[in-house]
Amino acid sequence: MKIVLNKNENKNKIIAFLLLSLFLILLIYLSITLGFLKTTYKTVIEALTSFNGSQEHIIIMTSRIPRTITAFLVGGALGLAGLLIQAITRNPLASPSILGVNSGAVFTLVIAIIFLPEAPITIMIFIGFLGALGAAFFVYILSGGLNGDVRPMELTLAGTALSALLFSLTQGMLYKNEAALEEVMYWMIGSVEGKSLEVIVNYIPIIILIMILTVFLGKKLNVLSLGEDMAKALGINTLYLKVVIIIFVSVLSGVSVALAGPIAFIGLLTPHVVKKMVGTDYRWLIPFSILTGALVLISSDILSRFIIFPKEVPVGAITALLGGPFFIYIAKRGD
């Protein structure tokens, strides 16, 4: 009887995953066709197959498609990063933005923009990763993570304090450098527009590789969710697993910040939504978190185009508007 139930559950999850994928495809189509200048699927196909330099084709190829790909990559990366952080801390309030990881990446990237303005994109990616990694380890160590005794409240407080400190330092550097301030102010709010396809393709292999590698950690994360002592008794090197996950989260967050700025709350919101859909099995949570994170950010990007139409709002403002109340709800509920 149990085997039959498991088969039915897996079948339902596969169906849900396929439906979610179809919805994502629909949102991608809407993201490419909707905006100040509406286009149709025929125009999109013509732009891809026989580009003629018209206004519609230029907008599709230089704006709509790049920002849709960016939203997909960044949303999926942040959704996965949030799931991984909550897994190793067992803190429902943990996310890359709340724990200071995004702020660390922003801080080092602003330094790079000021002092290395001509640095190639690969260097910028690496600098963002170092900032995110440094912030993640600092907060995790402060909260007792390496000793296996993570204190959720201290983790949140340490991350919030570090974020505030790094934000202040970042603002101070920008006010001393007006050229850099003009260049990064809109980006710092969080925006998926403005990147060319030539730039975006540099990030795709990194994010996809981390996503694939994370899928193979599903079973170990299931064991870790039973508790630190139980995981060790079952042969899991918990310290090694945590270090690997922190590195993965830092890469995902660093690349996301380099692409779209510090977009908040995707990593907080996504794991809670996904757990309501598929339960607590990380073999399912990982792929669902990637899809759901992408869905949330693409939806937010589409919404950002019409709130004060014909002008646009940075997508980071939309995710903050959605995520702020959700954060309060989770904190009050003590989920």
C-alpha atoms as a PDB file:
ATOM      1  CA  MET A   1       0.000   0.000   0.000  1.00  0.00           C
ATOM      2  CA  LYS A   2       2.831   2.386   0.901  1.00  0.00           C
ATOM      3  CA  ILE A   3       4.593   1.716  -2.418  1.00  0.00           C
ATOM      4  CA  VAL A   4       1.390   2.499  -4.312  1.00  0.00           C
ATOM      5  CA  LEU A   5       0.981   5.770  -2.391  1.00  0.00           C
ATOM      6  CA  ASN A   6       4.587   6.752  -3.111  1.00  0.00           C
ATOM      7  CA  LYS A   7       4.092   6.073  -6.806  1.00  0.00           C
ATOM      8  CA  ASN A   8       0.937   8.168  -6.848  1.00  0.00           C
ATOM      9  CA  GLU A   9       2.685  10.990  -4.985  1.00  0.00           C
ATOM     10  CA  ASN A  10       5.595  10.972  -7.426  1.00  0.00           C
ATOM     11  CA  LYS A  11       3.175  10.939 -10.348  1.00  0.00           C
ATOM     12  CA  ASN A  12       1.350  13.960  -8.919  1.00  0.00           C
ATOM     13  CA  LYS A  13       4.638  15.786  -8.428  1.00  0.00           C
ATOM     14  CA  ILE A  14       5.697  15.071 -12.002  1.00  0.00           C
ATOM     15  CA  ILE A  15       2.356  16.408 -13.265  1.00  0.00           C
ATOM     16  CA  ALA A  16       2.742  19.504 -11.066  1.00  0.00           C
ATOM     17  CA  PHE A  17       6.269  20.037 -12.378  1.00  0.00           C
ATOM     18  CA  LEU A  18       5.076  19.806 -15.981  1.00  0.00           C
ATOM     19  CA  LEU A  19       2.201  22.233 -15.322  1.00  0.00           C
ATOM     20  CA  LEU A  20       4.597  24.643 -13.626  1.00  0.00           C
ATOM     21  CA  SER A  21       6.917  24.364 -16.624  1.00  0.00           C
ATOM     22  CA  LEU A  22       4.072  25.151 -19.025  1.00  0.00           C
ATOM     23  CA  PHE A  23       3.096  28.163 -16.925  1.00  0.00           C
ATOM     24  CA  LEU A  24       6.713  29.312 -17.003  1.00  0.00           C
ATOM     25  CA  ILE A  25       6.744  29.039 -20.805  1.00  0.00           C
ATOM     26  CA  LEU A  26       3.563  31.165 -20.931  1.00  0.00           C
ATOM     27  CA  LEU A  27       5.162  33.805 -18.692  1.00  0.00           C
ATOM     28  CA  ILE A  28       8.293  33.828 -20.848  1.00  0.00           C
ATOM     29  CA  TYR A  29       6.105  34.459 -23.896  1.00  0.00           C
ATOM     30  CA  LEU A  30       4.261  37.283 -22.104  1.00  0.00           C
ATOM     31  CA  SER A  31       7.548  38.767 -20.901  1.00  0.00           C
ATOM     32  CA  ILE A  32       8.851  38.941 -24.460  1.00  0.00           C
ATOM     33  CA  THR A  33       5.660  40.323 -26.018  1.00  0.00           C
ATOM     34  CA  LEU A  34       4.240  42.698 -23.377  1.00  0.00           C
ATOM     35  CA  GLY A  35       5.430  46.210 -22.584  1.00  0.00           C
ATOM     36  CA  PHE A  36       5.180  49.790 -23.809  1.00  0.00           C
ATOM     37  CA  LEU A  37       5.308  48.424 -27.343  1.00  0.00           C
ATOM     38  CA  LYS A  38       3.123  45.306 -27.667  1.00  0.00           C
ATOM     39  CA  THR A  39       4.234  42.610 -30.084  1.00  0.00           C
ATOM     40  CA  THR A  40       2.905  39.236 -31.197  1.00  0.00           C
ATOM     41  CA  TYR A  41       4.422  35.777 -31.428  1.00  0.00           C
ATOM     42  CA  LYS A  42       4.766  36.274 -35.180  1.00  0.00           C
ATOM     43  CA  THR A  43       6.905  39.364 -34.606  1.00  0.00           C
ATOM     44  CA  VAL A  44       9.059  37.421 -32.140  1.00  0.00           C
ATOM     45  CA  ILE A  45       9.585  34.587 -34.617  1.00  0.00           C
ATOM     46  CA  GLU A  46      10.420  37.058 -37.387  1.00  0.00           C
ATOM     47  CA  ALA A  47      12.924  38.861 -35.127  1.00  0.00           C
ATOM     48  CA  LEU A  48      14.631  35.548 -34.371  1.00  0.00           C
ATOM     49  CA  THR A  49      14.633  34.174 -37.904  1.00  0.00           C
ATOM     50  CA  SER A  50      14.776  37.224 -40.180  1.00  0.00           C
ATOM     51  CA  PHE A  51      15.862  40.306 -38.238  1.00  0.00           C
ATOM     52  CA  ASN A  52      15.143  43.420 -40.333  1.00  0.00           C
ATOM     53  CA  GLY A  53      16.192  46.266 -38.013  1.00  0.00           C
ATOM     54  CA  SER A  54      12.643  47.493 -37.341  1.00  0.00           C
ATOM     55  CA  GLN A  55      11.762  49.055 -33.988  1.00  0.00           C
ATOM     56  CA  GLU A  56       9.850  45.943 -32.901  1.00  0.00           C
ATOM     57  CA  HIS A  57      12.726  43.614 -33.808  1.00  0.00           C
ATOM     58  CA  ILE A  58      15.312  45.802 -32.058  1.00  0.00           C
ATOM     59  CA  ILE A  59      13.259  45.930 -28.854  1.00  0.00           C
ATOM     60  CA  ILE A  60      12.723  42.163 -28.875  1.00  0.00           C
ATOM     61  CA  MET A  61      16.363  41.275 -29.516  1.00  0.00           C
ATOM     62  CA  THR A  62      18.114  43.920 -27.412  1.00  0.00           C
ATOM     63  CA  SER A  63      15.659  44.363 -24.530  1.00  0.00           C
ATOM     64  CA  ARG A  64      12.847  41.839 -24.127  1.00  0.00           C
ATOM     65  CA  ILE A  65      14.732  38.577 -24.721  1.00  0.00           C
ATOM     66  CA  PRO A  66      17.809  39.540 -22.650  1.00  0.00           C
ATOM     67  CA  ARG A  67      15.728  40.717 -19.668  1.00  0.00           C
ATOM     68  CA  THR A  68      13.567  37.580 -19.814  1.00  0.00           C
ATOM     69  CA  ILE A  69      16.622  35.328 -19.797  1.00  0.00           C
ATOM     70  CA  THR A  70      18.080  37.384 -16.947  1.00  0.00           C
ATOM     71  CA  ALA A  71      14.871  37.092 -14.912  1.00  0.00           C
ATOM     72  CA  PHE A  72      14.782  33.337 -15.500  1.00  0.00           C
ATOM     73  CA  LEU A  73      18.415  32.813 -14.462  1.00  0.00           C
ATOM     74  CA  VAL A  74      18.388  35.173 -11.473  1.00  0.00           C
ATOM     75  CA  GLY A  75      14.985  34.026 -10.205  1.00  0.00           C
ATOM     76  CA  GLY A  76      15.965  30.372 -10.429  1.00  0.00           C
ATOM     77  CA  ALA A  77      19.344  31.027  -8.806  1.00  0.00           C
ATOM     78  CA  LEU A  78      17.881  33.004  -5.892  1.00  0.00           C
ATOM     79  CA  GLY A  79      15.055  30.511  -5.351  1.00  0.00           C
ATOM     80  CA  LEU A  80      17.605  27.699  -5.118  1.00  0.00           C
ATOM     81  CA  ALA A  81      19.976  29.736  -2.941  1.00  0.00           C
ATOM     82  CA  GLY A  82      17.175  30.478  -0.479  1.00  0.00           C
ATOM     83  CA  LEU A  83      16.248  26.805  -0.262  1.00  0.00           C
ATOM     84  CA  LEU A  84      19.862  25.789   0.390  1.00  0.00           C
ATOM     85  CA  ILE A  85      20.398  28.403   3.101  1.00  0.00           C
ATOM     86  CA  GLN A  86      17.205  27.394   4.886  1.00  0.00           C
ATOM     87  CA  ALA A  87      18.241  23.747   4.602  1.00  0.00           C
ATOM     88  CA  ILE A  88      21.597  24.097   6.358  1.00  0.00           C
ATOM     89  CA  THR A  89      20.408  26.618   8.957  1.00  0.00           C
ATOM     90  CA  ARG A  90      16.927  25.198   9.512  1.00  0.00           C
ATOM     91  CA  ASN A  91      15.819  28.796   9.768  1.00  0.00           C
ATOM     92  CA  PRO A  92      12.624  29.707   7.839  1.00  0.00           C
ATOM     93  CA  LEU A  93      13.679  33.367   7.802  1.00  0.00           C
ATOM     94  CA  ALA A  94      17.024  32.711   6.115  1.00  0.00           C
ATOM     95  CA  SER A  95      17.680  33.985   2.592  1.00  0.00           C
ATOM     96  CA  PRO A  96      20.622  35.429   0.632  1.00  0.00           C
ATOM     97  CA  SER A  97      19.361  38.991   1.132  1.00  0.00           C
ATOM     98  CA  ILE A  98      18.555  38.695   4.842  1.00  0.00           C
ATOM     99  CA  LEU A  99      21.835  36.945   5.701  1.00  0.00           C
ATOM    100  CA  GLY A 100      24.018  39.580   4.078  1.00  0.00           C
ATOM    101  CA  VAL A 101      25.149  37.483   1.112  1.00  0.00           C
ATOM    102  CA  ASN A 102      23.699  39.869  -1.463  1.00  0.00           C
ATOM    103  CA  SER A 103      25.133  42.869   0.397  1.00  0.00           C
ATOM    104  CA  GLY A 104      28.587  41.283   0.353  1.00  0.00           C
ATOM    105  CA  ALA A 105      28.395  40.808  -3.406  1.00  0.00           C
ATOM    106  CA  VAL A 106      27.149  44.385  -3.922  1.00  0.00           C
ATOM    107  CA  PHE A 107      29.933  45.800  -1.732  1.00  0.00           C
ATOM    108  CA  THR A 108      32.754  44.111  -3.629  1.00  0.00           C
ATOM    109  CA  LEU A 109      31.200  44.809  -7.024  1.00  0.00           C
ATOM    110  CA  VAL A 110      30.883  48.527  -6.247  1.00  0.00           C
ATOM    111  CA  ILE A 111      34.548  48.546  -5.223  1.00  0.00           C
ATOM    112  CA  ALA A 112      35.366  46.900  -8.551  1.00  0.00           C
ATOM    113  CA  ILE A 113      33.255  49.399 -10.506  1.00  0.00           C
ATOM    114  CA  ILE A 114      35.061  52.311  -8.827  1.00  0.00           C
ATOM    115  CA  PHE A 115      38.634  51.019  -8.941  1.00  0.00           C
ATOM    116  CA  LEU A 116      38.494  48.568 -11.880  1.00  0.00           C
ATOM    117  CA  PRO A 117      35.988  50.150 -14.300  1.00  0.00           C
ATOM    118  CA  GLU A 118      37.483  48.380 -17.312  1.00  0.00           C
ATOM    119  CA  ALA A 119      37.578  44.904 -15.713  1.00  0.00           C
ATOM    120  CA  PRO A 120      36.235  42.101 -17.940  1.00  0.00           C
ATOM    121  CA  ILE A 121      32.983  40.395 -17.056  1.00  0.00           C
ATOM    122  CA  THR A 122      34.723  37.245 -15.772  1.00  0.00           C
ATOM    123  CA  ILE A 123      36.612  39.305 -13.195  1.00  0.00           C
ATOM    124  CA  MET A 124      33.400  41.006 -12.098  1.00  0.00           C
ATOM    125  CA  ILE A 125      31.735  37.612 -11.609  1.00  0.00           C
ATOM    126  CA  PHE A 126      34.630  36.400  -9.487  1.00  0.00           C
ATOM    127  CA  ILE A 127      34.654  39.593  -7.402  1.00  0.00           C
ATOM    128  CA  GLY A 128      30.919  39.298  -6.734  1.00  0.00           C
ATOM    129  CA  PHE A 129      31.386  35.660  -5.737  1.00  0.00           C
ATOM    130  CA  LEU A 130      34.180  36.554  -3.288  1.00  0.00           C
ATOM    131  CA  GLY A 131      32.015  39.207  -1.638  1.00  0.00           C
ATOM    132  CA  ALA A 132      29.060  36.858  -1.285  1.00  0.00           C
ATOM    133  CA  LEU A 133      31.275  34.034  -0.006  1.00  0.00           C
ATOM    134  CA  GLY A 134      32.978  36.244   2.577  1.00  0.00           C
ATOM    135  CA  ALA A 135      29.655  37.550   3.898  1.00  0.00           C
ATOM    136  CA  ALA A 136      28.135  34.061   4.025  1.00  0.00           C
ATOM    137  CA  PHE A 137      31.005  32.540   5.996  1.00  0.00           C
ATOM    138  CA  PHE A 138      31.223  35.515   8.340  1.00  0.00           C
ATOM    139  CA  VAL A 139      27.529  35.367   9.273  1.00  0.00           C
ATOM    140  CA  TYR A 140      27.517  31.579   9.450  1.00  0.00           C
ATOM    141  CA  ILE A 141      30.544  31.470  11.769  1.00  0.00           C
ATOM    142  CA  LEU A 142      29.097  34.189  14.014  1.00  0.00           C
ATOM    143  CA  SER A 143      25.936  32.135  14.473  1.00  0.00           C
ATOM    144  CA  GLY A 144      27.814  28.967  15.456  1.00  0.00           C
ATOM    145  CA  GLY A 145      27.396  27.167  12.154  1.00  0.00           C
ATOM    146  CA  LEU A 146      30.775  25.458  12.003  1.00  0.00           C
ATOM    147  CA  ASN A 147      30.192  23.963  15.447  1.00  0.00           C
ATOM    148  CA  GLY A 148      26.921  22.474  14.287  1.00  0.00           C
ATOM    149  CA  ASP A 149      24.940  24.708  16.647  1.00  0.00           C
ATOM    150  CA  VAL A 150      23.265  27.279  14.423  1.00  0.00           C
ATOM    151  CA  ARG A 151      21.229  29.746  16.428  1.00  0.00           C
ATOM    152  CA  PRO A 152      18.468  30.992  14.089  1.00  0.00           C
ATOM    153  CA  MET A 153      17.871  34.295  15.861  1.00  0.00           C
ATOM    154  CA  GLU A 154      21.589  35.097  16.011  1.00  0.00           C
ATOM    155  CA  LEU A 155      21.902  34.103  12.349  1.00  0.00           C
ATOM    156  CA  THR A 156      19.195  36.557  11.335  1.00  0.00           C
ATOM    157  CA  LEU A 157      20.554  39.322  13.569  1.00  0.00           C
ATOM    158  CA  ALA A 158      24.131  38.843  12.334  1.00  0.00           C
ATOM    159  CA  GLY A 159      22.991  38.891   8.714  1.00  0.00           C
ATOM    160  CA  THR A 160      20.858  41.979   9.219  1.00  0.00           C
ATOM    161  CA  ALA A 161      23.693  43.803  11.011  1.00  0.00           C
ATOM    162  CA  LEU A 162      26.225  42.892   8.335  1.00  0.00           C
ATOM    163  CA  SER A 163      23.829  43.958   5.579  1.00  0.00           C
ATOM    164  CA  ALA A 164      23.349  47.329   7.248  1.00  0.00           C
ATOM    165  CA  LEU A 165      27.105  47.791   7.693  1.00  0.00           C
ATOM    166  CA  LEU A 166      27.944  46.867   4.106  1.00  0.00           C
ATOM    167  CA  PHE A 167      25.090  48.995   2.769  1.00  0.00           C
ATOM    168  CA  SER A 168      26.437  52.022   4.666  1.00  0.00           C
ATOM    169  CA  LEU A 169      29.968  51.438   3.403  1.00  0.00           C
ATOM    170  CA  THR A 170      28.692  51.002  -0.135  1.00  0.00           C
ATOM    171  CA  GLN A 171      26.673  54.218   0.014  1.00  0.00           C
ATOM    172  CA  GLY A 172      29.673  56.072   1.418  1.00  0.00           C
ATOM    173  CA  MET A 173      31.888  54.968  -1.468  1.00  0.00           C
ATOM    174  CA  LEU A 174      29.247  55.911  -4.023  1.00  0.00           C
ATOM    175  CA  TYR A 175      28.736  59.389  -2.628  1.00  0.00           C
ATOM    176  CA  LYS A 176      32.483  59.924  -2.933  1.00  0.00           C
ATOM    177  CA  ASN A 177      32.353  58.851  -6.570  1.00  0.00           C
ATOM    178  CA  GLU A 178      29.519  60.517  -8.497  1.00  0.00           C
ATOM    179  CA  ALA A 179      30.318  58.733 -11.763  1.00  0.00           C
ATOM    180  CA  ALA A 180      29.952  55.341 -10.105  1.00  0.00           C
ATOM    181  CA  LEU A 181      26.792  56.525  -8.309  1.00  0.00           C
ATOM    182  CA  GLU A 182      25.071  57.353 -11.588  1.00  0.00           C
ATOM    183  CA  GLU A 183      26.147  54.019 -13.059  1.00  0.00           C
ATOM    184  CA  VAL A 184      24.957  51.723 -10.281  1.00  0.00           C
ATOM    185  CA  MET A 185      22.072  53.486  -8.475  1.00  0.00           C
ATOM    186  CA  TYR A 186      19.295  51.972 -10.628  1.00  0.00           C
ATOM    187  CA  TRP A 187      21.075  48.606 -10.598  1.00  0.00           C
ATOM    188  CA  MET A 188      21.311  48.634  -6.781  1.00  0.00           C
ATOM    189  CA  ILE A 189      17.527  48.708  -6.483  1.00  0.00           C
ATOM    190  CA  GLY A 190      17.420  45.517  -8.519  1.00  0.00           C
ATOM    191  CA  SER A 191      16.753  45.433 -12.244  1.00  0.00           C
ATOM    192  CA  VAL A 192      16.830  42.691 -14.874  1.00  0.00           C
ATOM    193  CA  GLU A 193      17.093  45.065 -17.826  1.00  0.00           C
ATOM    194  CA  GLY A 194      20.139  46.585 -19.444  1.00  0.00           C
ATOM    195  CA  LYS A 195      22.284  43.482 -20.025  1.00  0.00           C
ATOM    196  CA  SER A 196      23.096  42.395 -23.568  1.00  0.00           C
ATOM    197  CA  LEU A 197      22.911  38.786 -24.727  1.00  0.00           C
ATOM    198  CA  GLU A 198      26.688  38.802 -25.162  1.00  0.00           C
ATOM    199  CA  VAL A 199      27.078  39.542 -21.451  1.00  0.00           C
ATOM    200  CA  ILE A 200      24.367  37.165 -20.250  1.00  0.00           C
ATOM    201  CA  VAL A 201      25.806  34.106 -22.014  1.00  0.00           C
ATOM    202  CA  ASN A 202      28.885  34.390 -19.782  1.00  0.00           C
ATOM    203  CA  TYR A 203      26.712  33.673 -16.743  1.00  0.00           C
ATOM    204  CA  ILE A 204      24.542  30.864 -18.083  1.00  0.00           C
ATOM    205  CA  PRO A 205      27.114  28.012 -17.764  1.00  0.00           C
ATOM    206  CA  ILE A 206      27.956  28.984 -14.159  1.00  0.00           C
ATOM    207  CA  ILE A 207      24.345  29.039 -12.951  1.00  0.00           C
ATOM    208  CA  ILE A 208      23.332  25.889 -14.848  1.00  0.00           C
ATOM    209  CA  LEU A 209      26.382  23.978 -13.533  1.00  0.00           C
ATOM    210  CA  ILE A 210      25.598  24.866  -9.903  1.00  0.00           C
ATOM    211  CA  MET A 211      21.952  23.907 -10.398  1.00  0.00           C
ATOM    212  CA  ILE A 212      22.923  20.511 -11.816  1.00  0.00           C
ATOM    213  CA  LEU A 213      25.438  19.836  -9.037  1.00  0.00           C
ATOM    214  CA  THR A 214      22.864  20.776  -6.402  1.00  0.00           C
ATOM    215  CA  VAL A 215      20.413  18.180  -7.703  1.00  0.00           C
ATOM    216  CA  PHE A 216      22.868  15.477  -6.610  1.00  0.00           C
ATOM    217  CA  LEU A 217      22.800  16.800  -3.035  1.00  0.00           C
ATOM    218  CA  GLY A 218      19.081  16.062  -2.592  1.00  0.00           C
ATOM    219  CA  LYS A 219      19.513  12.827  -0.651  1.00  0.00           C
ATOM    220  CA  LYS A 220      22.169  14.277   1.650  1.00  0.00           C
ATOM    221  CA  LEU A 221      19.982  17.276   2.399  1.00  0.00           C
ATOM    222  CA  ASN A 222      17.138  14.911   3.283  1.00  0.00           C
ATOM    223  CA  VAL A 223      19.410  13.221   5.806  1.00  0.00           C
ATOM    224  CA  LEU A 224      20.650  16.563   7.159  1.00  0.00           C
ATOM    225  CA  SER A 225      17.045  17.654   7.706  1.00  0.00           C
ATOM    226  CA  LEU A 226      16.748  14.840  10.297  1.00  0.00           C
ATOM    227  CA  GLY A 227      19.234  16.693  12.495  1.00  0.00           C
ATOM    228  CA  GLU A 228      22.979  17.172  12.832  1.00  0.00           C
ATOM    229  CA  ASP A 229      23.563  14.150  15.079  1.00  0.00           C
ATOM    230  CA  MET A 230      21.434  11.825  12.989  1.00  0.00           C
ATOM    231  CA  ALA A 231      23.184  12.927   9.793  1.00  0.00           C
ATOM    232  CA  LYS A 232      26.601  12.257  11.319  1.00  0.00           C
ATOM    233  CA  ALA A 233      25.442   8.844  12.572  1.00  0.00           C
ATOM    234  CA  LEU A 234      24.355   7.985   9.025  1.00  0.00           C
ATOM    235  CA  GLY A 235      27.788   8.827   7.631  1.00  0.00           C
ATOM    236  CA  ILE A 236      27.246  12.384   6.369  1.00  0.00           C
ATOM    237  CA  ASN A 237      30.185  14.756   6.744  1.00  0.00           C
ATOM    238  CA  THR A 238      28.001  17.678   7.785  1.00  0.00           C
ATOM    239  CA  LEU A 239      30.799  20.258   7.912  1.00  0.00           C
ATOM    240  CA  TYR A 240      31.906  19.419   4.359  1.00  0.00           C
ATOM    241  CA  LEU A 241      28.293  19.480   3.140  1.00  0.00           C
ATOM    242  CA  LYS A 242      27.673  22.882   4.721  1.00  0.00           C
ATOM    243  CA  VAL A 243      30.854  24.373   3.276  1.00  0.00           C
ATOM    244  CA  VAL A 244      29.921  23.113  -0.207  1.00  0.00           C
ATOM    245  CA  ILE A 245      26.421  24.551   0.115  1.00  0.00           C
ATOM    246  CA  ILE A 246      27.742  27.913   1.330  1.00  0.00           C
ATOM    247  CA  ILE A 247      30.027  28.021  -1.719  1.00  0.00           C
ATOM    248  CA  PHE A 248      27.101  27.157  -4.019  1.00  0.00           C
ATOM    249  CA  VAL A 249      24.913  29.832  -2.410  1.00  0.00           C
ATOM    250  CA  SER A 250      27.715  32.377  -2.730  1.00  0.00           C
ATOM    251  CA  VAL A 251      28.190  31.613  -6.424  1.00  0.00           C
ATOM    252  CA  LEU A 252      24.455  31.805  -7.133  1.00  0.00           C
ATOM    253  CA  SER A 253      24.067  35.032  -5.155  1.00  0.00           C
ATOM    254  CA  GLY A 254      27.236  36.646  -6.513  1.00  0.00           C
ATOM    255  CA  VAL A 255      26.301  35.951 -10.120  1.00  0.00           C
ATOM    256  CA  SER A 256      22.711  37.096  -9.507  1.00  0.00           C
ATOM    257  CA  VAL A 257      23.892  40.404  -8.043  1.00  0.00           C
ATOM    258  CA  ALA A 258      26.323  40.903 -10.926  1.00  0.00           C
ATOM    259  CA  LEU A 259      23.477  40.355 -13.379  1.00  0.00           C
ATOM    260  CA  ALA A 260      20.553  42.125 -11.738  1.00  0.00           C
ATOM    261  CA  GLY A 261      21.635  43.838  -8.543  1.00  0.00           C
ATOM    262  CA  PRO A 262      20.494  42.909  -5.020  1.00  0.00           C
ATOM    263  CA  ILE A 263      16.974  41.613  -5.646  1.00  0.00           C
ATOM    264  CA  ALA A 264      15.445  40.774  -2.270  1.00  0.00           C
ATOM    265  CA  PHE A 265      12.971  38.206  -0.913  1.00  0.00           C
ATOM    266  CA  ILE A 266      12.934  35.732  -3.830  1.00  0.00           C
ATOM    267  CA  GLY A 267      15.104  33.399  -1.753  1.00  0.00           C
ATOM    268  CA  LEU A 268      12.881  33.819   1.292  1.00  0.00           C
ATOM    269  CA  LEU A 269       9.526  33.369  -0.393  1.00  0.00           C
ATOM    270  CA  THR A 270      10.282  30.532  -2.811  1.00  0.00           C
ATOM    271  CA  PRO A 271      11.142  27.675  -0.365  1.00  0.00           C
ATOM    272  CA  HIS A 272       7.934  28.228   1.636  1.00  0.00           C
ATOM    273  CA  VAL A 273       5.760  28.172  -1.475  1.00  0.00           C
ATOM    274  CA  VAL A 274       7.477  25.059  -2.816  1.00  0.00           C
ATOM    275  CA  LYS A 275       7.220  23.137   0.464  1.00  0.00           C
ATOM    276  CA  LYS A 276       3.479  23.701   0.401  1.00  0.00           C
ATOM    277  CA  MET A 277       3.389  22.109  -3.051  1.00  0.00           C
ATOM    278  CA  VAL A 278       5.713  19.092  -2.761  1.00  0.00           C
ATOM    279  CA  GLY A 279       6.501  18.525   0.918  1.00  0.00           C
ATOM    280  CA  THR A 280       9.986  18.204   2.402  1.00  0.00           C
ATOM    281  CA  ASP A 281      11.830  15.896  -0.004  1.00  0.00           C
ATOM    282  CA  TYR A 282      14.801  17.882  -1.323  1.00  0.00           C
ATOM    283  CA  ARG A 283      15.010  15.727  -4.431  1.00  0.00           C
ATOM    284  CA  TRP A 284      11.796  17.499  -5.459  1.00  0.00           C
ATOM    285  CA  LEU A 285      12.300  20.772  -3.623  1.00  0.00           C
ATOM    286  CA  ILE A 286      15.440  21.626  -5.607  1.00  0.00           C
ATOM    287  CA  PRO A 287      13.965  21.547  -9.146  1.00  0.00           C
ATOM    288  CA  PHE A 288      10.684  23.076  -7.966  1.00  0.00           C
ATOM    289  CA  SER A 289      12.543  25.931  -6.252  1.00  0.00           C
ATOM    290  CA  ILE A 290      14.405  26.736  -9.468  1.00  0.00           C
ATOM    291  CA  LEU A 291      11.169  26.867 -11.459  1.00  0.00           C
ATOM    292  CA  THR A 292       9.220  28.776  -8.811  1.00  0.00           C
ATOM    293  CA  GLY A 293      11.967  31.359  -8.291  1.00  0.00           C
ATOM    294  CA  ALA A 294      12.038  31.981 -12.038  1.00  0.00           C
ATOM    295  CA  LEU A 295       8.238  32.251 -12.108  1.00  0.00           C
ATOM    296  CA  VAL A 296       8.171  34.799  -9.282  1.00  0.00           C
ATOM    297  CA  LEU A 297      10.823  37.049 -10.805  1.00  0.00           C
ATOM    298  CA  ILE A 298       9.464  36.919 -14.370  1.00  0.00           C
ATOM    299  CA  SER A 299       5.964  37.675 -13.035  1.00  0.00           C
ATOM    300  CA  SER A 300       7.350  40.573 -10.992  1.00  0.00           C
ATOM    301  CA  ASP A 301       9.197  41.906 -14.039  1.00  0.00           C
ATOM    302  CA  ILE A 302       6.026  41.842 -16.140  1.00  0.00           C
ATOM    303  CA  LEU A 303       4.133  43.605 -13.336  1.00  0.00           C
ATOM    304  CA  SER A 304       6.862  46.242 -13.025  1.00  0.00           C
ATOM    305  CA  ARG A 305       6.141  47.419 -16.581  1.00  0.00           C
ATOM    306  CA  PHE A 306       2.532  48.389 -15.906  1.00  0.00           C
ATOM    307  CA  ILE A 307       2.306  49.754 -12.338  1.00  0.00           C
ATOM    308  CA  ILE A 308       3.107  53.331 -13.437  1.00  0.00           C
ATOM    309  CA  PHE A 309       2.685  52.740 -17.184  1.00  0.00           C
ATOM    310  CA  PRO A 310       4.196  53.920 -19.481  1.00  0.00           C
ATOM    311  CA  LYS A 311       7.185  54.180 -17.120  1.00  0.00           C
ATOM    312  CA  GLU A 312       8.715  51.133 -15.446  1.00  0.00           C
ATOM    313  CA  VAL A 313       9.511  50.336 -11.826  1.00  0.00           C
ATOM    314  CA  PRO A 314      12.725  48.434 -10.986  1.00  0.00           C
ATOM    315  CA  VAL A 315      11.773  44.822 -10.402  1.00  0.00           C
ATOM    316  CA  GLY A 316      13.595  44.852  -7.058  1.00  0.00           C
ATOM    317  CA  ALA A 317      10.971  47.273  -5.751  1.00  0.00           C
ATOM    318  CA  ILE A 318       8.214  44.832  -6.744  1.00  0.00           C
ATOM    319  CA  THR A 319       9.838  41.824  -5.042  1.00  0.00           C
ATOM    320  CA  ALA A 320      10.403  43.916  -1.901  1.00  0.00           C
ATOM    321  CA  LEU A 321       6.740  44.968  -1.959  1.00  0.00           C
ATOM    322  CA  LEU A 322       5.666  41.319  -2.218  1.00  0.00           C
ATOM    323  CA  GLY A 323       8.291  39.876   0.101  1.00  0.00           C
ATOM    324  CA  GLY A 324       8.116  42.372   2.970  1.00  0.00           C
ATOM    325  CA  PRO A 325       4.634  41.367   4.167  1.00  0.00           C
ATOM    326  CA  PHE A 326       5.502  37.704   3.612  1.00  0.00           C
ATOM    327  CA  PHE A 327       8.566  38.069   5.839  1.00  0.00           C
ATOM    328  CA  ILE A 328       6.424  39.606   8.593  1.00  0.00           C
ATOM    329  CA  TYR A 329       3.880  36.799   8.220  1.00  0.00           C
ATOM    330  CA  ILE A 330       6.519  34.077   8.551  1.00  0.00           C
ATOM    331  CA  ALA A 331       8.166  35.815  11.498  1.00  0.00           C
ATOM    332  CA  LYS A 332       4.857  36.265  13.328  1.00  0.00           C
ATOM    333  CA  ARG A 333       3.717  32.715  12.630  1.00  0.00           C
ATOM    334  CA  GLY A 334       7.042  31.209  13.707  1.00  0.00           C
ATOM    335  CA  ASP A 335       6.809  28.681  10.856  1.00  0.00           C
END
